[in-house]
PDB file of N, CA and C in Angstrom:
ATOM      1  N   MET A   1     -62.794 -21.095 -49.527  1.00  0.00           N
ATOM      2  CA  MET A   1     -63.155 -19.712 -49.757  1.00  0.00           C
ATOM      3  C   MET A   1     -63.991 -19.165 -48.604  1.00  0.00           C
ATOM      4  N   ALA A   2     -64.861 -20.000 -48.035  1.00  0.00           N
ATOM      5  CA  ALA A   2     -65.692 -19.545 -46.916  1.00  0.00           C
ATOM      6  C   ALA A   2     -64.829 -19.141 -45.726  1.00  0.00           C
ATOM      7  N   GLN A   3     -63.735 -19.857 -45.529  1.00  0.00           N
ATOM      8  CA  GLN A   3     -62.843 -19.523 -44.419  1.00  0.00           C
ATOM      9  C   GLN A   3     -62.235 -18.137 -44.628  1.00  0.00           C
ATOM     10  N   ILE A   4     -61.822 -17.827 -45.843  1.00  0.00           N
ATOM     11  CA  ILE A   4     -61.248 -16.517 -46.127  1.00  0.00           C
ATOM     12  C   ILE A   4     -62.299 -15.440 -45.921  1.00  0.00           C
ATOM     13  N   ARG A   5     -63.504 -15.661 -46.397  1.00  0.00           N
ATOM     14  CA  ARG A   5     -64.581 -14.683 -46.261  1.00  0.00           C
ATOM     15  C   ARG A   5     -64.859 -14.369 -44.796  1.00  0.00           C
ATOM     16  N   SER A   6     -64.869 -15.370 -43.945  1.00  0.00           N
ATOM     17  CA  SER A   6     -65.186 -15.147 -42.536  1.00  0.00           C
ATOM     18  C   SER A   6     -64.074 -14.415 -41.799  1.00  0.00           C
ATOM     19  N   GLN A   7     -62.873 -14.381 -42.355  1.00  0.00           N
ATOM     20  CA  GLN A   7     -61.746 -13.729 -41.697  1.00  0.00           C
ATOM     21  C   GLN A   7     -61.554 -12.291 -42.144  1.00  0.00           C
ATOM     22  N   LEU A   8     -62.310 -11.818 -43.133  1.00  0.00           N
ATOM     23  CA  LEU A   8     -62.057 -10.492 -43.674  1.00  0.00           C
ATOM     24  C   LEU A   8     -62.191  -9.403 -42.624  1.00  0.00           C
ATOM     25  N   LEU A   9     -63.298  -9.370 -41.925  1.00  0.00           N
ATOM     26  CA  LEU A   9     -63.488  -8.423 -40.835  1.00  0.00           C
ATOM     27  C   LEU A   9     -64.184  -9.149 -39.693  1.00  0.00           C
ATOM     28  N   PRO A  10     -63.630  -9.075 -38.508  1.00  0.00           N
ATOM     29  CA  PRO A  10     -64.285  -9.716 -37.359  1.00  0.00           C
ATOM     30  C   PRO A  10     -65.676  -9.132 -37.118  1.00  0.00           C
ATOM     31  N   ALA A  11     -66.553  -9.933 -36.553  1.00  0.00           N
ATOM     32  CA  ALA A  11     -67.933  -9.510 -36.294  1.00  0.00           C
ATOM     33  C   ALA A  11     -67.979  -8.247 -35.439  1.00  0.00           C
ATOM     34  N   ALA A  12     -67.107  -8.138 -34.469  1.00  0.00           N
ATOM     35  CA  ALA A  12     -67.101  -6.957 -33.591  1.00  0.00           C
ATOM     36  C   ALA A  12     -66.766  -5.689 -34.379  1.00  0.00           C
ATOM     37  N   VAL A  13     -65.888  -5.805 -35.340  1.00  0.00           N
ATOM     38  CA  VAL A  13     -65.514  -4.646 -36.166  1.00  0.00           C
ATOM     39  C   VAL A  13     -66.689  -4.244 -37.051  1.00  0.00           C
ATOM     40  N   ARG A  14     -67.340  -5.229 -37.661  1.00  0.00           N
ATOM     41  CA  ARG A  14     -68.512  -4.934 -38.501  1.00  0.00           C
ATOM     42  C   ARG A  14     -69.612  -4.273 -37.679  1.00  0.00           C
ATOM     43  N   GLU A  15     -69.841  -4.767 -36.494  1.00  0.00           N
ATOM     44  CA  GLU A  15     -70.892  -4.212 -35.633  1.00  0.00           C
ATOM     45  C   GLU A  15     -70.568  -2.774 -35.235  1.00  0.00           C
ATOM     46  N   ARG A  16     -69.337  -2.525 -34.833  1.00  0.00           N
ATOM     47  CA  ARG A  16     -68.922  -1.177 -34.447  1.00  0.00           C
ATOM     48  C   ARG A  16     -69.045  -0.214 -35.635  1.00  0.00           C
ATOM     49  N   PHE A  17     -68.703  -0.693 -36.808  1.00  0.00           N
ATOM     50  CA  PHE A  17     -68.783   0.124 -38.011  1.00  0.00           C
ATOM     51  C   PHE A  17     -70.225   0.555 -38.290  1.00  0.00           C
ATOM     52  N   LYS A  18     -71.185  -0.338 -38.084  1.00  0.00           N
ATOM     53  CA  LYS A  18     -72.602   0.008 -38.281  1.00  0.00           C
ATOM     54  C   LYS A  18     -73.015   1.152 -37.370  1.00  0.00           C
ATOM     55  N   TYR A  19     -72.606   1.096 -36.117  1.00  0.00           N
ATOM     56  CA  TYR A  19     -72.961   2.154 -35.170  1.00  0.00           C
ATOM     57  C   TYR A  19     -72.265   3.468 -35.512  1.00  0.00           C
ATOM     58  N   GLU A  20     -71.023   3.387 -35.986  1.00  0.00           N
ATOM     59  CA  GLU A  20     -70.313   4.609 -36.384  1.00  0.00           C
ATOM     60  C   GLU A  20     -71.007   5.277 -37.563  1.00  0.00           C
ATOM     61  N   VAL A  21     -71.438   4.490 -38.528  1.00  0.00           N
ATOM     62  CA  VAL A  21     -72.137   5.042 -39.685  1.00  0.00           C
ATOM     63  C   VAL A  21     -73.460   5.658 -39.245  1.00  0.00           C
ATOM     64  N   ALA A  22     -74.186   4.969 -38.360  1.00  0.00           N
ATOM     65  CA  ALA A  22     -75.455   5.510 -37.852  1.00  0.00           C
ATOM     66  C   ALA A  22     -75.220   6.853 -37.167  1.00  0.00           C
ATOM     67  N   GLN A  23     -74.149   6.954 -36.415  1.00  0.00           N
ATOM     68  CA  GLN A  23     -73.845   8.213 -35.735  1.00  0.00           C
ATOM     69  C   GLN A  23     -73.508   9.307 -36.750  1.00  0.00           C
ATOM     70  N   ASP A  24     -72.707   8.976 -37.748  1.00  0.00           N
ATOM     71  CA  ASP A  24     -72.348   9.953 -38.775  1.00  0.00           C
ATOM     72  C   ASP A  24     -73.575  10.478 -39.515  1.00  0.00           C
ATOM     73  N   LEU A  25     -74.591   9.646 -39.666  1.00  0.00           N
ATOM     74  CA  LEU A  25     -75.808  10.035 -40.373  1.00  0.00           C
ATOM     75  C   LEU A  25     -76.836  10.701 -39.459  1.00  0.00           C
ATOM     76  N   GLY A  26     -76.508  10.824 -38.179  1.00  0.00           N
ATOM     77  CA  GLY A  26     -77.439  11.441 -37.240  1.00  0.00           C
ATOM     78  C   GLY A  26     -78.574  10.515 -36.830  1.00  0.00           C
ATOM     79  N   LEU A  27     -78.356   9.223 -36.931  1.00  0.00           N
ATOM     80  CA  LEU A  27     -79.403   8.241 -36.617  1.00  0.00           C
ATOM     81  C   LEU A  27     -79.129   7.485 -35.326  1.00  0.00           C
ATOM     82  N   PHE A  28     -78.047   7.808 -34.658  1.00  0.00           N
ATOM     83  CA  PHE A  28     -77.665   7.029 -33.477  1.00  0.00           C
ATOM     84  C   PHE A  28     -78.691   7.113 -32.353  1.00  0.00           C
ATOM     85  N   GLN A  29     -79.191   8.304 -32.084  1.00  0.00           N
ATOM     86  CA  GLN A  29     -80.176   8.463 -31.002  1.00  0.00           C
ATOM     87  C   GLN A  29     -81.432   7.643 -31.298  1.00  0.00           C
ATOM     88  N   ASP A  30     -81.894   7.721 -32.530  1.00  0.00           N
ATOM     89  CA  ASP A  30     -83.072   6.950 -32.943  1.00  0.00           C
ATOM     90  C   ASP A  30     -82.798   5.454 -32.803  1.00  0.00           C
ATOM     91  N   LEU A  31     -81.615   5.040 -33.188  1.00  0.00           N
ATOM     92  CA  LEU A  31     -81.222   3.637 -33.073  1.00  0.00           C
ATOM     93  C   LEU A  31     -81.167   3.204 -31.611  1.00  0.00           C
ATOM     94  N   ALA A  32     -80.625   4.057 -30.752  1.00  0.00           N
ATOM     95  CA  ALA A  32     -80.535   3.727 -29.329  1.00  0.00           C
ATOM     96  C   ALA A  32     -81.916   3.583 -28.699  1.00  0.00           C
ATOM     97  N   GLU A  33     -82.856   4.401 -29.153  1.00  0.00           N
ATOM     98  CA  GLU A  33     -84.216   4.335 -28.597  1.00  0.00           C
ATOM     99  C   GLU A  33     -85.028   3.169 -29.162  1.00  0.00           C
ATOM    100  N   ARG A  34     -84.892   2.910 -30.441  1.00  0.00           N
ATOM    101  CA  ARG A  34     -85.729   1.907 -31.108  1.00  0.00           C
ATOM    102  C   ARG A  34     -85.089   0.532 -31.210  1.00  0.00           C
ATOM    103  N   GLY A  35     -83.794   0.494 -31.418  1.00  0.00           N
ATOM    104  CA  GLY A  35     -83.129  -0.764 -31.725  1.00  0.00           C
ATOM    105  C   GLY A  35     -83.205  -1.029 -33.222  1.00  0.00           C
ATOM    106  N   TRP A  36     -82.397  -1.956 -33.697  1.00  0.00           N
ATOM    107  CA  TRP A  36     -82.336  -2.243 -35.130  1.00  0.00           C
ATOM    108  C   TRP A  36     -83.679  -2.703 -35.678  1.00  0.00           C
ATOM    109  N   ALA A  37     -84.387  -3.531 -34.948  1.00  0.00           N
ATOM    110  CA  ALA A  37     -85.625  -4.135 -35.455  1.00  0.00           C
ATOM    111  C   ALA A  37     -86.728  -3.115 -35.717  1.00  0.00           C
ATOM    112  N   ASP A  38     -86.737  -2.009 -34.992  1.00  0.00           N
ATOM    113  CA  ASP A  38     -87.809  -1.022 -35.143  1.00  0.00           C
ATOM    114  C   ASP A  38     -87.386   0.236 -35.899  1.00  0.00           C
ATOM    115  N   MET A  39     -86.220   0.202 -36.507  1.00  0.00           N
ATOM    116  CA  MET A  39     -85.779   1.345 -37.313  1.00  0.00           C
ATOM    117  C   MET A  39     -86.558   1.374 -38.624  1.00  0.00           C
ATOM    118  N   LYS A  40     -86.720   2.562 -39.165  1.00  0.00           N
ATOM    119  CA  LYS A  40     -87.388   2.706 -40.463  1.00  0.00           C
ATOM    120  C   LYS A  40     -86.515   2.073 -41.541  1.00  0.00           C
ATOM    121  N   THR A  41     -87.169   1.432 -42.490  1.00  0.00           N
ATOM    122  CA  THR A  41     -86.446   0.778 -43.576  1.00  0.00           C
ATOM    123  C   THR A  41     -85.576   1.768 -44.332  1.00  0.00           C
ATOM    124  N   ARG A  42     -86.086   2.955 -44.545  1.00  0.00           N
ATOM    125  CA  ARG A  42     -85.331   3.976 -45.263  1.00  0.00           C
ATOM    126  C   ARG A  42     -84.030   4.315 -44.522  1.00  0.00           C
ATOM    127  N   ASP A  43     -84.107   4.442 -43.197  1.00  0.00           N
ATOM    128  CA  ASP A  43     -82.917   4.755 -42.410  1.00  0.00           C
ATOM    129  C   ASP A  43     -81.913   3.603 -42.435  1.00  0.00           C
ATOM    130  N   LEU A  44     -82.421   2.382 -42.353  1.00  0.00           N
ATOM    131  CA  LEU A  44     -81.525   1.229 -42.432  1.00  0.00           C
ATOM    132  C   LEU A  44     -80.836   1.184 -43.790  1.00  0.00           C
ATOM    133  N   GLY A  45     -81.579   1.553 -44.831  1.00  0.00           N
ATOM    134  CA  GLY A  45     -80.988   1.613 -46.163  1.00  0.00           C
ATOM    135  C   GLY A  45     -79.891   2.653 -46.265  1.00  0.00           C
ATOM    136  N   ARG A  46     -80.082   3.770 -45.596  1.00  0.00           N
ATOM    137  CA  ARG A  46     -79.036   4.803 -45.581  1.00  0.00           C
ATOM    138  C   ARG A  46     -77.775   4.277 -44.913  1.00  0.00           C
ATOM    139  N   ILE A  47     -77.963   3.573 -43.798  1.00  0.00           N
ATOM    140  CA  ILE A  47     -76.811   3.004 -43.089  1.00  0.00           C
ATOM    141  C   ILE A  47     -76.142   1.949 -43.966  1.00  0.00           C
ATOM    142  N   GLY A  48     -76.944   1.052 -44.511  1.00  0.00           N
ATOM    143  CA  GLY A  48     -76.401  -0.019 -45.355  1.00  0.00           C
ATOM    144  C   GLY A  48     -75.705   0.500 -46.595  1.00  0.00           C
ATOM    145  N   GLY A  49     -76.251   1.563 -47.171  1.00  0.00           N
ATOM    146  CA  GLY A  49     -75.624   2.135 -48.360  1.00  0.00           C
ATOM    147  C   GLY A  49     -74.240   2.676 -48.071  1.00  0.00           C
ATOM    148  N   LYS A  50     -74.100   3.351 -46.954  1.00  0.00           N
ATOM    149  CA  LYS A  50     -72.780   3.872 -46.557  1.00  0.00           C
ATOM    150  C   LYS A  50     -71.821   2.723 -46.269  1.00  0.00           C
ATOM    151  N   ILE A  51     -72.338   1.711 -45.590  1.00  0.00           N
ATOM    152  CA  ILE A  51     -71.495   0.554 -45.271  1.00  0.00           C
ATOM    153  C   ILE A  51     -71.073  -0.140 -46.560  1.00  0.00           C
ATOM    154  N   GLY A  52     -72.027  -0.321 -47.442  1.00  0.00           N
ATOM    155  CA  GLY A  52     -71.733  -1.000 -48.701  1.00  0.00           C
ATOM    156  C   GLY A  52     -70.617  -0.331 -49.467  1.00  0.00           C
ATOM    157  N   GLY A  53     -70.687   0.979 -49.572  1.00  0.00           N
ATOM    158  CA  GLY A  53     -69.646   1.684 -50.317  1.00  0.00           C
ATOM    159  C   GLY A  53     -68.302   1.629 -49.641  1.00  0.00           C
ATOM    160  N   ASN A  54     -68.253   1.952 -48.374  1.00  0.00           N
ATOM    161  CA  ASN A  54     -66.980   2.016 -47.658  1.00  0.00           C
ATOM    162  C   ASN A  54     -66.452   0.636 -47.288  1.00  0.00           C
ATOM    163  N   MET A  55     -67.329  -0.201 -46.777  1.00  0.00           N
ATOM    164  CA  MET A  55     -66.869  -1.495 -46.307  1.00  0.00           C
ATOM    165  C   MET A  55     -66.411  -2.377 -47.458  1.00  0.00           C
ATOM    166  N   VAL A  56     -67.056  -2.274 -48.595  1.00  0.00           N
ATOM    167  CA  VAL A  56     -66.634  -3.084 -49.738  1.00  0.00           C
ATOM    168  C   VAL A  56     -65.197  -2.757 -50.115  1.00  0.00           C
ATOM    169  N   LYS A  57     -64.849  -1.500 -50.091  1.00  0.00           N
ATOM    170  CA  LYS A  57     -63.469  -1.110 -50.401  1.00  0.00           C
ATOM    171  C   LYS A  57     -62.493  -1.730 -49.397  1.00  0.00           C
ATOM    172  N   VAL A  58     -62.848  -1.677 -48.129  1.00  0.00           N
ATOM    173  CA  VAL A  58     -61.998  -2.256 -47.087  1.00  0.00           C
ATOM    174  C   VAL A  58     -61.894  -3.768 -47.272  1.00  0.00           C
ATOM    175  N   LEU A  59     -63.017  -4.418 -47.527  1.00  0.00           N
ATOM    176  CA  LEU A  59     -63.012  -5.870 -47.695  1.00  0.00           C
ATOM    177  C   LEU A  59     -62.194  -6.295 -48.909  1.00  0.00           C
ATOM    178  N   ILE A  60     -62.282  -5.547 -49.987  1.00  0.00           N
ATOM    179  CA  ILE A  60     -61.509  -5.888 -51.177  1.00  0.00           C
ATOM    180  C   ILE A  60     -60.016  -5.785 -50.888  1.00  0.00           C
ATOM    181  N   ARG A  61     -59.605  -4.713 -50.212  1.00  0.00           N
ATOM    182  CA  ARG A  61     -58.182  -4.573 -49.867  1.00  0.00           C
ATOM    183  C   ARG A  61     -57.719  -5.730 -48.984  1.00  0.00           C
ATOM    184  N   ARG A  62     -58.533  -6.068 -47.973  1.00  0.00           N
ATOM    185  CA  ARG A  62     -58.154  -7.167 -47.065  1.00  0.00           C
ATOM    186  C   ARG A  62     -58.109  -8.490 -47.805  1.00  0.00           C
ATOM    187  N   ALA A  63     -59.090  -8.729 -48.685  1.00  0.00           N
ATOM    188  CA  ALA A  63     -59.131  -9.983 -49.443  1.00  0.00           C
ATOM    189  C   ALA A  63     -57.926 -10.094 -50.364  1.00  0.00           C
ATOM    190  N   GLU A  64     -57.567  -9.017 -51.025  1.00  0.00           N
ATOM    191  CA  GLU A  64     -56.400  -9.035 -51.903  1.00  0.00           C
ATOM    192  C   GLU A  64     -55.135  -9.365 -51.121  1.00  0.00           C
ATOM    193  N   THR A  65     -54.990  -8.776 -49.953  1.00  0.00           N
ATOM    194  CA  THR A  65     -53.823  -9.048 -49.115  1.00  0.00           C
ATOM    195  C   THR A  65     -53.810 -10.504 -48.665  1.00  0.00           C
ATOM    196  N   MET A  66     -54.961 -10.999 -48.223  1.00  0.00           N
ATOM    197  CA  MET A  66     -55.032 -12.385 -47.755  1.00  0.00           C
ATOM    198  C   MET A  66     -54.752 -13.367 -48.888  1.00  0.00           C
ATOM    199  N   LEU A  67     -55.291 -13.089 -50.072  1.00  0.00           N
ATOM    200  CA  LEU A  67     -55.060 -13.976 -51.209  1.00  0.00           C
ATOM    201  C   LEU A  67     -53.598 -13.949 -51.630  1.00  0.00           C
ATOM    202  N   ALA A  68     -52.979 -12.795 -51.595  1.00  0.00           N
ATOM    203  CA  ALA A  68     -51.570 -12.680 -51.966  1.00  0.00           C
ATOM    204  C   ALA A  68     -50.680 -13.445 -50.992  1.00  0.00           C
ATOM    205  N   ASP A  69     -51.063 -13.485 -49.723  1.00  0.00           N
ATOM    206  CA  ASP A  69     -50.271 -14.152 -48.688  1.00  0.00           C
ATOM    207  C   ASP A  69     -50.612 -15.626 -48.523  1.00  0.00           C
ATOM    208  N   ALA A  70     -51.708 -16.086 -49.113  1.00  0.00           N
ATOM    209  CA  ALA A  70     -52.178 -17.457 -48.903  1.00  0.00           C
ATOM    210  C   ALA A  70     -51.364 -18.453 -49.721  1.00  0.00           C
ATOM    211  N   THR A  71     -51.231 -19.643 -49.159  1.00  0.00           N
ATOM    212  CA  THR A  71     -50.600 -20.748 -49.893  1.00  0.00           C
ATOM    213  C   THR A  71     -51.674 -21.416 -50.746  1.00  0.00           C
ATOM    214  N   PRO A  72     -51.271 -22.153 -51.762  1.00  0.00           N
ATOM    215  CA  PRO A  72     -52.270 -22.825 -52.628  1.00  0.00           C
ATOM    216  C   PRO A  72     -53.218 -23.742 -51.846  1.00  0.00           C
ATOM    217  N   ASP A  73     -52.736 -24.384 -50.796  1.00  0.00           N
ATOM    218  CA  ASP A  73     -53.586 -25.274 -49.992  1.00  0.00           C
ATOM    219  C   ASP A  73     -54.689 -24.510 -49.273  1.00  0.00           C
ATOM    220  N   GLU A  74     -54.430 -23.292 -48.874  1.00  0.00           N
ATOM    221  CA  GLU A  74     -55.423 -22.481 -48.171  1.00  0.00           C
ATOM    222  C   GLU A  74     -56.513 -21.994 -49.092  1.00  0.00           C
ATOM    223  N   LEU A  75     -56.297 -21.972 -50.377  1.00  0.00           N
ATOM    224  CA  LEU A  75     -57.262 -21.464 -51.331  1.00  0.00           C
ATOM    225  C   LEU A  75     -58.237 -22.523 -51.807  1.00  0.00           C
ATOM    226  N   THR A  76     -58.016 -23.763 -51.457  1.00  0.00           N
ATOM    227  CA  THR A  76     -58.948 -24.826 -51.897  1.00  0.00           C
ATOM    228  C   THR A  76     -59.903 -25.203 -50.827  1.00  0.00           C
TER     229      THR A  76
END
């Protein structure tokens, strides 16, 4: 199962998605100046909340497709 989880979305895609959400929320400039570590918790929560809602839908679709295509040996 861990192998399937790690294949759902590549790290580069997840990272790019975080920056896109930050830009959509008007937080990109602040992020560029401060970096992730110095962002306000509230702003990070806004980014994470958007990611959680949208990304979960994407991950579920990808997981369903991968599970449907997987052989029984790949699921153990």
